[in-house]
């Protein structure tokens, strides 16, 4: 009988483990992701290197605050934090002088996992608050004119692209599960004597 065959029993155990990992990962993303839970896109800033301390004058930071792009961090509230959501009073924040280089993107997500990131404004200099990114697009010529030290060239920054593409692990895992099922069906037929 095929059910008594140790190879078929092993395949059943492996199948359960694979499905368990995929389901637990999907539940984890659903519980903790700040991305839209169905299909959505959000504007975001990928963090690059920090501007050298003292490299940005307070005057420049004020100019970025007044004339730069104010990008709200429009986030989905993860299920894990819905009960803990508390309305805090708005705090008046001083404009920080610690700024970063970054890359402005539009991130596309499906079921809370990121699948693609495309250029929005490109390379930027920015600071971040709990509720928004405040940035100005930059080029090497622009940075030279405003006398801000930067990696030469700005495009040499290494950016964490993988943080915005890891959603592809789910389709790859499902494809691997399908591949495993094809082999398991063949081994079951062999154990039943059909082949």
N, C-alpha and C. Protein backbone atom coordinates (compact mmCIF):
# COMPACT_ATOMS: atom_id res chain seq x y z
N UNK A 1 0.85 -1.19 0.00
CA UNK A 1 0.00 0.00 0.00
C UNK A 1 0.89 1.24 0.00
N UNK A 2 0.51 2.25 -0.77
CA UNK A 2 1.34 3.44 -0.93
C UNK A 2 1.45 4.23 0.36
N UNK A 3 0.39 4.21 1.18
CA UNK A 3 0.42 5.01 2.41
C UNK A 3 1.45 4.49 3.39
N UNK A 4 1.78 3.20 3.32
CA UNK A 4 2.77 2.62 4.22
C UNK A 4 4.19 2.85 3.73
N UNK A 5 4.35 3.22 2.49
CA UNK A 5 5.67 3.40 1.91
C UNK A 5 6.40 4.54 2.60
N UNK A 6 7.66 4.31 3.03
CA UNK A 6 8.40 5.36 3.76
C UNK A 6 8.67 6.61 2.91
N UNK A 7 8.84 6.45 1.59
CA UNK A 7 9.09 7.60 0.73
C UNK A 7 7.86 8.49 0.66
N UNK A 8 6.68 7.87 0.55
CA UNK A 8 5.44 8.63 0.50
C UNK A 8 5.19 9.31 1.85
N UNK A 9 5.47 8.61 2.95
CA UNK A 9 5.30 9.22 4.28
C UNK A 9 6.25 10.40 4.46
N UNK A 10 7.49 10.24 3.96
CA UNK A 10 8.45 11.35 4.04
C UNK A 10 7.96 12.54 3.24
N UNK A 11 7.42 12.29 2.03
CA UNK A 11 6.89 13.38 1.20
C UNK A 11 5.75 14.10 1.91
N UNK A 12 4.89 13.36 2.61
CA UNK A 12 3.79 14.00 3.35
C UNK A 12 4.32 14.91 4.45
N UNK A 13 5.37 14.47 5.13
CA UNK A 13 5.98 15.31 6.18
C UNK A 13 6.61 16.56 5.58
N UNK A 14 7.32 16.40 4.47
CA UNK A 14 7.95 17.55 3.81
C UNK A 14 6.88 18.51 3.31
N UNK A 15 5.78 17.98 2.73
CA UNK A 15 4.67 18.81 2.25
C UNK A 15 4.09 19.65 3.39
N UNK A 16 3.87 19.01 4.53
CA UNK A 16 3.32 19.74 5.68
C UNK A 16 4.27 20.85 6.13
N UNK A 17 5.57 20.56 6.15
CA UNK A 17 6.55 21.56 6.58
C UNK A 17 6.58 22.74 5.60
N UNK A 18 6.58 22.45 4.30
CA UNK A 18 6.62 23.52 3.30
C UNK A 18 5.38 24.40 3.41
N UNK A 19 4.21 23.78 3.46
CA UNK A 19 2.97 24.56 3.56
C UNK A 19 2.92 25.34 4.87
N UNK A 20 3.40 24.74 5.95
CA UNK A 20 3.42 25.44 7.24
C UNK A 20 4.28 26.69 7.21
N UNK A 21 5.47 26.59 6.59
CA UNK A 21 6.36 27.76 6.49
C UNK A 21 5.72 28.85 5.63
N UNK A 22 5.13 28.46 4.49
CA UNK A 22 4.50 29.46 3.61
C UNK A 22 3.34 30.14 4.32
N UNK A 23 2.50 29.38 5.00
CA UNK A 23 1.35 29.97 5.71
C UNK A 23 1.81 30.87 6.86
N UNK A 24 2.79 30.43 7.63
CA UNK A 24 3.29 31.26 8.74
C UNK A 24 3.93 32.55 8.23
N UNK A 25 4.67 32.47 7.12
CA UNK A 25 5.27 33.68 6.55
C UNK A 25 4.18 34.64 6.07
N UNK A 26 3.14 34.12 5.42
CA UNK A 26 2.04 34.97 4.95
C UNK A 26 1.31 35.62 6.12
N UNK A 27 1.08 34.88 7.18
CA UNK A 27 0.42 35.46 8.36
C UNK A 27 1.31 36.52 9.00
N UNK A 28 2.63 36.26 9.06
CA UNK A 28 3.55 37.25 9.62
C UNK A 28 3.54 38.55 8.83
N UNK A 29 3.54 38.44 7.50
CA UNK A 29 3.48 39.65 6.66
C UNK A 29 2.17 40.37 6.90
N UNK A 30 1.07 39.63 6.94
CA UNK A 30 -0.25 40.23 7.15
C UNK A 30 -0.34 40.93 8.51
N UNK A 31 0.30 40.34 9.53
CA UNK A 31 0.22 40.91 10.88
C UNK A 31 1.12 42.14 11.06
N UNK A 32 2.29 42.15 10.41
CA UNK A 32 3.28 43.17 10.73
C UNK A 32 3.60 44.15 9.61
N UNK A 33 3.09 43.95 8.42
CA UNK A 33 3.44 44.82 7.30
C UNK A 33 2.76 46.18 7.41
N UNK A 34 3.51 47.23 7.09
CA UNK A 34 2.96 48.58 7.03
C UNK A 34 2.55 48.92 5.60
N UNK A 35 2.67 47.98 4.70
CA UNK A 35 2.29 48.19 3.30
C UNK A 35 0.82 47.83 3.11
N UNK A 36 0.19 48.30 2.02
CA UNK A 36 -1.21 47.94 1.77
C UNK A 36 -1.40 46.42 1.73
N UNK A 37 -2.50 45.93 2.29
CA UNK A 37 -2.70 44.49 2.39
C UNK A 37 -3.16 43.84 1.10
N UNK A 38 -3.66 44.59 0.14
CA UNK A 38 -4.04 43.99 -1.13
C UNK A 38 -3.03 44.43 -2.18
N UNK A 39 -3.42 45.17 -3.15
CA UNK A 39 -2.47 45.68 -4.14
C UNK A 39 -2.40 47.18 -3.96
N UNK A 40 -1.21 47.72 -3.84
CA UNK A 40 -1.09 49.15 -3.65
C UNK A 40 0.30 49.65 -3.95
N UNK A 41 0.42 50.96 -3.96
CA UNK A 41 1.71 51.60 -4.18
C UNK A 41 1.84 52.73 -3.17
N UNK A 42 3.05 52.98 -2.76
CA UNK A 42 3.31 54.10 -1.85
C UNK A 42 4.62 54.75 -2.23
N UNK A 43 4.68 56.04 -2.02
CA UNK A 43 5.93 56.77 -2.22
C UNK A 43 6.76 56.61 -0.95
N UNK A 44 8.06 56.46 -1.14
CA UNK A 44 8.94 56.21 0.00
C UNK A 44 10.33 56.72 -0.33
N UNK A 45 11.19 56.83 0.67
CA UNK A 45 12.58 57.22 0.46
C UNK A 45 13.47 56.11 0.99
N UNK A 46 14.29 55.56 0.10
CA UNK A 46 15.28 54.55 0.48
C UNK A 46 16.45 55.25 1.13
N UNK A 47 16.84 54.80 2.30
CA UNK A 47 17.93 55.46 3.02
C UNK A 47 19.29 55.10 2.45
N UNK A 48 20.08 56.14 2.21
CA UNK A 48 21.45 55.96 1.78
C UNK A 48 22.39 56.34 2.92
N UNK A 49 23.52 56.92 2.59
CA UNK A 49 24.51 57.27 3.62
C UNK A 49 24.13 58.58 4.30
N UNK A 50 24.61 58.73 5.53
CA UNK A 50 24.34 59.96 6.28
C UNK A 50 25.30 61.04 5.81
N UNK A 51 24.80 62.27 5.77
CA UNK A 51 25.65 63.41 5.43
C UNK A 51 26.60 63.62 6.60
N UNK A 52 27.85 63.87 6.29
CA UNK A 52 28.87 64.06 7.33
C UNK A 52 28.40 65.09 8.34
N UNK A 53 28.58 64.84 9.66
CA UNK A 53 28.15 65.82 10.67
C UNK A 53 28.73 67.20 10.37
N UNK A 54 27.89 68.20 10.42
CA UNK A 54 28.31 69.56 10.12
C UNK A 54 28.34 69.85 8.64
N UNK A 55 27.99 68.85 7.80
CA UNK A 55 28.03 69.04 6.36
C UNK A 55 26.86 69.85 5.83
N UNK A 56 25.79 69.96 6.62
CA UNK A 56 24.61 70.71 6.20
C UNK A 56 24.39 71.85 7.18
N UNK A 57 24.29 73.06 6.67
CA UNK A 57 24.07 74.21 7.56
C UNK A 57 22.61 74.25 7.99
N UNK A 58 22.32 74.82 9.17
CA UNK A 58 20.92 74.96 9.60
C UNK A 58 20.09 75.76 8.60
N UNK A 59 20.72 76.71 7.92
CA UNK A 59 20.01 77.50 6.90
C UNK A 59 19.54 76.60 5.76
N UNK A 60 20.41 75.70 5.31
CA UNK A 60 20.03 74.79 4.24
C UNK A 60 18.89 73.87 4.69
N UNK A 61 18.97 73.35 5.93
CA UNK A 61 17.91 72.49 6.45
C UNK A 61 16.57 73.23 6.49
N UNK A 62 16.60 74.52 6.85
CA UNK A 62 15.37 75.32 6.86
C UNK A 62 14.83 75.49 5.44
N UNK A 63 15.73 75.67 4.48
CA UNK A 63 15.30 75.83 3.09
C UNK A 63 14.65 74.53 2.58
N UNK A 64 15.22 73.38 2.95
CA UNK A 64 14.62 72.11 2.56
C UNK A 64 13.24 71.98 3.20
N UNK A 65 13.15 72.40 4.46
CA UNK A 65 11.86 72.32 5.15
C UNK A 65 10.81 73.23 4.50
N UNK A 66 11.22 74.43 4.09
CA UNK A 66 10.27 75.37 3.51
C UNK A 66 9.92 75.07 2.06
N UNK A 67 10.91 74.67 1.26
CA UNK A 67 10.69 74.54 -0.19
C UNK A 67 10.81 73.11 -0.71
N UNK A 68 11.20 72.19 0.15
CA UNK A 68 11.36 70.80 -0.30
C UNK A 68 10.03 70.07 -0.37
N UNK A 69 10.12 68.82 -0.74
CA UNK A 69 8.95 67.96 -0.83
C UNK A 69 8.67 67.37 0.55
N UNK A 70 7.43 67.53 1.01
CA UNK A 70 6.99 66.93 2.27
C UNK A 70 6.18 65.69 1.91
N UNK A 71 6.77 64.53 2.10
CA UNK A 71 6.14 63.27 1.73
C UNK A 71 5.59 62.59 2.98
N UNK A 72 4.27 62.58 3.14
CA UNK A 72 3.70 61.91 4.31
C UNK A 72 3.98 60.40 4.26
N UNK A 73 4.23 59.83 5.41
CA UNK A 73 4.43 58.39 5.49
C UNK A 73 3.06 57.72 5.59
N UNK A 74 2.38 57.68 4.46
CA UNK A 74 1.06 57.05 4.46
C UNK A 74 1.27 55.55 4.58
N UNK A 75 0.90 55.04 5.72
CA UNK A 75 1.13 53.64 6.01
C UNK A 75 -0.18 52.96 6.36
N UNK A 76 -0.22 51.70 6.08
CA UNK A 76 -1.30 50.86 6.58
C UNK A 76 -0.92 50.51 8.02
N UNK A 77 -1.87 50.52 8.93
CA UNK A 77 -1.57 50.14 10.30
C UNK A 77 -1.60 48.62 10.39
N UNK A 78 -0.49 47.99 10.77
CA UNK A 78 -0.47 46.54 10.85
C UNK A 78 -1.52 46.02 11.83
N UNK A 79 -2.03 44.84 11.55
CA UNK A 79 -3.03 44.23 12.41
C UNK A 79 -2.50 44.10 13.82
N UNK A 80 -1.20 43.84 13.97
CA UNK A 80 -0.62 43.66 15.30
C UNK A 80 -0.66 44.93 16.12
N UNK A 81 -0.83 46.10 15.49
CA UNK A 81 -0.83 47.36 16.24
C UNK A 81 -2.20 48.02 16.31
N UNK A 82 -3.24 47.42 15.75
CA UNK A 82 -4.55 48.07 15.74
C UNK A 82 -5.07 48.35 17.14
N UNK A 83 -4.91 47.41 18.04
CA UNK A 83 -5.41 47.61 19.41
C UNK A 83 -4.56 48.62 20.17
N UNK A 84 -3.28 48.74 19.79
CA UNK A 84 -2.37 49.63 20.51
C UNK A 84 -2.36 51.04 19.95
N UNK A 85 -3.18 51.30 18.92
CA UNK A 85 -3.17 52.63 18.29
C UNK A 85 -3.61 53.67 19.31
N UNK A 86 -2.77 54.66 19.53
CA UNK A 86 -3.04 55.72 20.49
C UNK A 86 -2.83 57.05 19.78
N UNK A 87 -3.73 57.98 20.01
CA UNK A 87 -3.59 59.31 19.40
C UNK A 87 -2.68 60.14 20.30
N UNK A 88 -1.52 60.48 19.79
CA UNK A 88 -0.57 61.29 20.55
C UNK A 88 -0.71 62.74 20.16
N UNK A 89 -0.48 63.66 21.11
CA UNK A 89 -0.54 65.07 20.74
C UNK A 89 0.56 65.41 19.74
N UNK A 90 0.24 66.34 18.85
CA UNK A 90 1.21 66.76 17.85
C UNK A 90 2.35 67.51 18.56
N UNK A 91 3.55 67.12 18.25
CA UNK A 91 4.70 67.77 18.87
C UNK A 91 5.32 68.74 17.87
N UNK A 92 5.78 69.85 18.37
CA UNK A 92 6.48 70.80 17.53
C UNK A 92 7.94 70.34 17.48
N UNK A 93 8.39 70.05 16.28
CA UNK A 93 9.74 69.52 16.14
C UNK A 93 10.66 70.55 15.52
N UNK A 94 11.85 70.59 16.04
CA UNK A 94 12.87 71.46 15.45
C UNK A 94 13.36 70.79 14.17
N UNK A 95 13.79 71.57 13.22
CA UNK A 95 14.31 71.03 11.98
C UNK A 95 15.67 70.39 12.28
N UNK A 96 15.80 69.10 12.01
CA UNK A 96 17.08 68.46 12.32
C UNK A 96 18.16 68.86 11.33
N UNK A 97 19.38 68.83 11.79
CA UNK A 97 20.49 69.12 10.89
C UNK A 97 21.17 67.83 10.45
N UNK A 98 20.79 66.69 11.04
CA UNK A 98 21.36 65.43 10.57
C UNK A 98 20.51 64.94 9.40
N UNK A 99 21.10 64.96 8.24
CA UNK A 99 20.39 64.61 7.03
C UNK A 99 21.07 63.42 6.36
N UNK A 100 20.33 62.79 5.48
CA UNK A 100 20.81 61.61 4.76
C UNK A 100 20.66 61.83 3.26
N UNK A 101 21.49 61.09 2.53
CA UNK A 101 21.23 60.95 1.11
C UNK A 101 20.30 59.75 0.96
N UNK A 102 19.48 59.76 -0.06
CA UNK A 102 18.57 58.66 -0.28
C UNK A 102 18.11 58.62 -1.72
N UNK A 103 17.10 57.80 -1.95
CA UNK A 103 16.58 57.63 -3.29
C UNK A 103 15.06 57.57 -3.17
N UNK A 104 14.38 58.47 -3.87
CA UNK A 104 12.92 58.56 -3.82
C UNK A 104 12.32 57.54 -4.78
N UNK A 105 11.45 56.66 -4.24
CA UNK A 105 10.87 55.58 -5.03
C UNK A 105 9.35 55.54 -4.88
N UNK A 106 8.73 54.79 -5.77
CA UNK A 106 7.34 54.38 -5.61
C UNK A 106 7.39 52.86 -5.51
N UNK A 107 6.92 52.33 -4.39
CA UNK A 107 6.99 50.90 -4.12
C UNK A 107 5.63 50.27 -4.39
N UNK A 108 5.62 49.17 -5.13
CA UNK A 108 4.39 48.42 -5.40
C UNK A 108 4.38 47.17 -4.54
N UNK A 109 3.26 46.94 -3.84
CA UNK A 109 3.17 45.77 -2.98
C UNK A 109 1.89 45.01 -3.27
N UNK A 110 1.94 43.72 -3.00
CA UNK A 110 0.79 42.83 -3.15
C UNK A 110 0.70 42.01 -1.86
N UNK A 111 -0.47 42.02 -1.25
CA UNK A 111 -0.72 41.28 -0.01
C UNK A 111 0.31 41.63 1.07
N UNK A 112 0.69 42.88 1.14
CA UNK A 112 1.59 43.36 2.19
C UNK A 112 3.07 43.13 1.93
N UNK A 113 3.42 42.51 0.81
CA UNK A 113 4.83 42.24 0.50
C UNK A 113 5.26 43.07 -0.70
N UNK A 114 6.46 43.68 -0.65
CA UNK A 114 6.92 44.52 -1.76
C UNK A 114 7.41 43.68 -2.94
N UNK A 115 6.99 44.08 -4.14
CA UNK A 115 7.39 43.35 -5.35
C UNK A 115 8.20 44.20 -6.31
N UNK A 116 8.06 45.50 -6.25
CA UNK A 116 8.76 46.32 -7.23
C UNK A 116 8.93 47.72 -6.67
N UNK A 117 10.03 48.35 -7.00
CA UNK A 117 10.26 49.75 -6.65
C UNK A 117 10.76 50.45 -7.91
N UNK A 118 10.15 51.58 -8.21
CA UNK A 118 10.59 52.34 -9.38
C UNK A 118 10.92 53.77 -8.95
N UNK A 119 11.67 54.44 -9.76
CA UNK A 119 12.13 55.80 -9.46
C UNK A 119 10.94 56.75 -9.37
N UNK A 120 10.98 57.61 -8.35
CA UNK A 120 10.03 58.71 -8.25
C UNK A 120 10.80 59.99 -8.56
N UNK A 121 11.46 60.58 -7.55
CA UNK A 121 12.29 61.76 -7.78
C UNK A 121 13.77 61.42 -7.89
N UNK A 122 14.14 60.18 -7.64
CA UNK A 122 15.54 59.78 -7.74
C UNK A 122 16.35 60.16 -6.51
N UNK A 123 17.60 60.55 -6.72
CA UNK A 123 18.50 60.86 -5.60
C UNK A 123 18.04 62.12 -4.88
N UNK A 124 18.03 62.04 -3.54
CA UNK A 124 17.55 63.15 -2.72
C UNK A 124 18.46 63.31 -1.50
N UNK A 125 18.36 64.50 -0.89
CA UNK A 125 18.91 64.71 0.44
C UNK A 125 17.69 64.98 1.31
N UNK A 126 17.62 64.33 2.47
CA UNK A 126 16.39 64.39 3.23
C UNK A 126 16.63 64.27 4.73
N UNK A 127 15.60 64.62 5.48
CA UNK A 127 15.52 64.23 6.88
C UNK A 127 14.15 63.62 7.10
N UNK A 128 14.03 62.91 8.20
CA UNK A 128 12.83 62.12 8.45
C UNK A 128 12.26 62.44 9.81
N UNK A 129 10.95 62.52 9.89
CA UNK A 129 10.25 62.65 11.17
C UNK A 129 9.37 61.40 11.30
N UNK A 130 8.71 61.21 12.44
CA UNK A 130 7.83 60.04 12.56
C UNK A 130 6.69 60.03 11.54
N UNK A 131 6.32 61.19 10.99
CA UNK A 131 5.16 61.24 10.11
C UNK A 131 5.48 61.53 8.65
N UNK A 132 6.71 61.98 8.34
CA UNK A 132 6.99 62.35 6.95
C UNK A 132 8.47 62.32 6.64
N UNK A 133 8.75 62.31 5.33
CA UNK A 133 10.09 62.56 4.79
C UNK A 133 10.05 63.97 4.23
N UNK A 134 11.12 64.72 4.45
CA UNK A 134 11.24 66.06 3.86
C UNK A 134 12.53 66.03 3.05
N UNK A 135 12.40 66.24 1.73
CA UNK A 135 13.58 66.07 0.89
C UNK A 135 13.64 67.07 -0.25
N UNK A 136 14.85 67.13 -0.82
CA UNK A 136 15.09 67.92 -2.03
C UNK A 136 15.87 67.02 -3.00
N UNK A 137 15.43 66.94 -4.26
CA UNK A 137 16.19 66.16 -5.25
C UNK A 137 17.58 66.76 -5.45
N UNK A 138 18.58 65.90 -5.66
CA UNK A 138 19.96 66.37 -5.80
C UNK A 138 20.64 65.72 -7.00
N UNK A 139 21.67 66.43 -7.47
CA UNK A 139 22.61 65.89 -8.45
C UNK A 139 24.00 66.25 -7.94
N UNK A 140 25.03 65.73 -8.56
CA UNK A 140 26.39 66.07 -8.15
C UNK A 140 26.67 67.55 -8.32
N UNK A 141 26.20 68.15 -9.42
CA UNK A 141 26.41 69.59 -9.65
C UNK A 141 25.72 70.42 -8.57
N UNK A 142 24.49 70.03 -8.24
CA UNK A 142 23.74 70.75 -7.21
C UNK A 142 24.48 70.69 -5.88
N UNK A 143 24.97 69.52 -5.49
CA UNK A 143 25.67 69.38 -4.21
C UNK A 143 26.95 70.21 -4.19
N UNK A 144 27.63 70.31 -5.32
CA UNK A 144 28.84 71.14 -5.39
C UNK A 144 28.50 72.61 -5.22
N UNK A 145 27.36 73.03 -5.80
CA UNK A 145 26.97 74.45 -5.68
C UNK A 145 26.58 74.81 -4.25
N UNK A 146 25.90 73.91 -3.55
CA UNK A 146 25.47 74.24 -2.18
C UNK A 146 26.51 73.80 -1.15
N UNK A 147 27.65 73.28 -1.62
CA UNK A 147 28.79 72.92 -0.78
C UNK A 147 28.43 71.88 0.29
N UNK A 148 27.78 70.82 -0.14
CA UNK A 148 27.49 69.69 0.75
C UNK A 148 28.36 68.53 0.32
N UNK A 149 29.16 67.98 1.25
CA UNK A 149 30.02 66.85 0.90
C UNK A 149 29.18 65.61 0.63
N UNK A 150 29.50 64.91 -0.46
CA UNK A 150 28.71 63.74 -0.85
C UNK A 150 29.61 62.67 -1.41
N UNK A 151 29.13 61.43 -1.43
CA UNK A 151 29.91 60.41 -2.13
C UNK A 151 30.07 60.83 -3.59
N UNK A 152 31.19 60.59 -4.15
CA UNK A 152 31.45 61.02 -5.54
C UNK A 152 31.45 59.83 -6.45
N UNK A 153 30.58 59.76 -7.38
CA UNK A 153 29.36 60.54 -7.57
C UNK A 153 28.25 60.04 -6.65
N UNK A 154 27.15 60.78 -6.62
CA UNK A 154 26.03 60.40 -5.75
C UNK A 154 25.52 59.01 -6.15
N UNK A 155 25.57 58.71 -7.42
CA UNK A 155 25.07 57.41 -7.89
C UNK A 155 25.92 56.23 -7.42
N UNK A 156 27.04 56.49 -6.74
CA UNK A 156 27.86 55.40 -6.22
C UNK A 156 27.35 54.89 -4.88
N UNK A 157 26.30 55.51 -4.34
CA UNK A 157 25.75 55.04 -3.06
C UNK A 157 25.19 53.62 -3.25
N UNK A 158 25.38 52.81 -2.21
CA UNK A 158 24.72 51.51 -2.26
C UNK A 158 23.40 51.64 -1.52
N UNK A 159 22.34 51.20 -2.18
CA UNK A 159 21.00 51.34 -1.63
C UNK A 159 20.41 49.96 -1.37
N UNK A 160 19.58 49.83 -0.33
CA UNK A 160 19.04 48.51 0.04
C UNK A 160 17.86 48.09 -0.82
N UNK A 161 18.09 47.83 -2.11
CA UNK A 161 17.00 47.47 -3.02
C UNK A 161 16.26 46.22 -2.58
N UNK A 162 16.98 45.25 -1.97
CA UNK A 162 16.34 43.99 -1.60
C UNK A 162 15.18 44.21 -0.64
N UNK A 163 15.20 45.28 0.15
CA UNK A 163 14.10 45.55 1.08
C UNK A 163 12.80 45.84 0.35
N UNK A 164 12.88 46.15 -0.94
CA UNK A 164 11.70 46.51 -1.71
C UNK A 164 11.38 45.48 -2.79
N UNK A 165 12.02 44.32 -2.71
CA UNK A 165 11.80 43.26 -3.70
C UNK A 165 11.57 41.89 -3.07
N UNK A 166 11.61 41.76 -1.74
CA UNK A 166 11.57 40.44 -1.12
C UNK A 166 10.22 39.74 -1.28
N UNK A 167 9.19 40.40 -1.74
CA UNK A 167 7.91 39.76 -1.95
C UNK A 167 7.99 38.62 -2.96
N UNK A 168 9.00 38.67 -3.85
CA UNK A 168 9.15 37.62 -4.85
C UNK A 168 9.47 36.27 -4.22
N UNK A 169 9.83 36.25 -2.94
CA UNK A 169 10.08 34.97 -2.28
C UNK A 169 8.82 34.11 -2.22
N UNK A 170 7.63 34.76 -2.13
CA UNK A 170 6.38 34.00 -2.08
C UNK A 170 6.11 33.24 -3.38
N UNK A 171 6.13 33.90 -4.55
CA UNK A 171 5.93 33.11 -5.78
C UNK A 171 7.01 32.06 -5.99
N UNK A 172 8.25 32.36 -5.59
CA UNK A 172 9.32 31.36 -5.72
C UNK A 172 9.05 30.17 -4.80
N UNK A 173 8.57 30.44 -3.58
CA UNK A 173 8.24 29.35 -2.66
C UNK A 173 7.09 28.51 -3.20
N UNK A 174 6.08 29.16 -3.78
CA UNK A 174 4.96 28.42 -4.37
C UNK A 174 5.40 27.60 -5.58
N UNK A 175 6.31 28.15 -6.38
CA UNK A 175 6.85 27.40 -7.52
C UNK A 175 7.65 26.20 -7.02
N UNK A 176 8.44 26.38 -5.95
CA UNK A 176 9.19 25.26 -5.37
C UNK A 176 8.26 24.19 -4.83
N UNK A 177 7.16 24.61 -4.21
CA UNK A 177 6.18 23.65 -3.71
C UNK A 177 5.57 22.87 -4.88
N UNK A 178 5.25 23.56 -5.98
CA UNK A 178 4.71 22.88 -7.16
C UNK A 178 5.70 21.87 -7.72
N UNK A 179 6.97 22.24 -7.77
CA UNK A 179 8.02 21.34 -8.25
C UNK A 179 8.11 20.11 -7.36
N UNK A 180 8.04 20.34 -6.05
CA UNK A 180 8.06 19.22 -5.09
C UNK A 180 6.86 18.31 -5.32
N UNK A 181 5.67 18.88 -5.55
CA UNK A 181 4.46 18.08 -5.74
C UNK A 181 4.56 17.20 -6.99
N UNK A 182 5.19 17.70 -8.05
CA UNK A 182 5.38 16.89 -9.25
C UNK A 182 6.24 15.66 -8.93
N UNK A 183 7.34 15.88 -8.19
CA UNK A 183 8.19 14.75 -7.80
C UNK A 183 7.48 13.81 -6.84
N UNK A 184 6.67 14.36 -5.91
CA UNK A 184 5.95 13.51 -4.95
C UNK A 184 4.92 12.65 -5.67
N UNK A 185 4.24 13.22 -6.69
CA UNK A 185 3.25 12.43 -7.44
C UNK A 185 3.94 11.30 -8.19
N UNK A 186 5.13 11.56 -8.74
CA UNK A 186 5.88 10.51 -9.44
C UNK A 186 6.30 9.41 -8.46
N UNK A 187 6.79 9.80 -7.27
CA UNK A 187 7.22 8.80 -6.29
C UNK A 187 6.03 7.99 -5.76
N UNK A 188 4.86 8.63 -5.63
CA UNK A 188 3.66 7.90 -5.19
C UNK A 188 3.25 6.87 -6.24
N UNK A 189 3.30 7.24 -7.51
CA UNK A 189 2.94 6.29 -8.57
C UNK A 189 3.91 5.11 -8.58
N UNK A 190 5.20 5.40 -8.36
CA UNK A 190 6.18 4.32 -8.29
C UNK A 190 5.89 3.39 -7.13
N UNK A 191 5.51 3.98 -5.96
CA UNK A 191 5.23 3.17 -4.78
C UNK A 191 3.97 2.33 -4.98
N UNK A 192 3.00 2.83 -5.75
CA UNK A 192 1.76 2.09 -6.01
C UNK A 192 1.92 1.10 -7.16
N UNK A 193 3.07 1.14 -7.83
CA UNK A 193 3.35 0.23 -8.92
C UNK A 193 2.70 0.63 -10.22
N UNK A 194 2.30 1.89 -10.36
CA UNK A 194 1.65 2.34 -11.59
C UNK A 194 2.68 2.54 -12.69
N UNK A 195 3.89 2.96 -12.32
CA UNK A 195 4.94 3.20 -13.33
C UNK A 195 5.74 1.94 -13.53
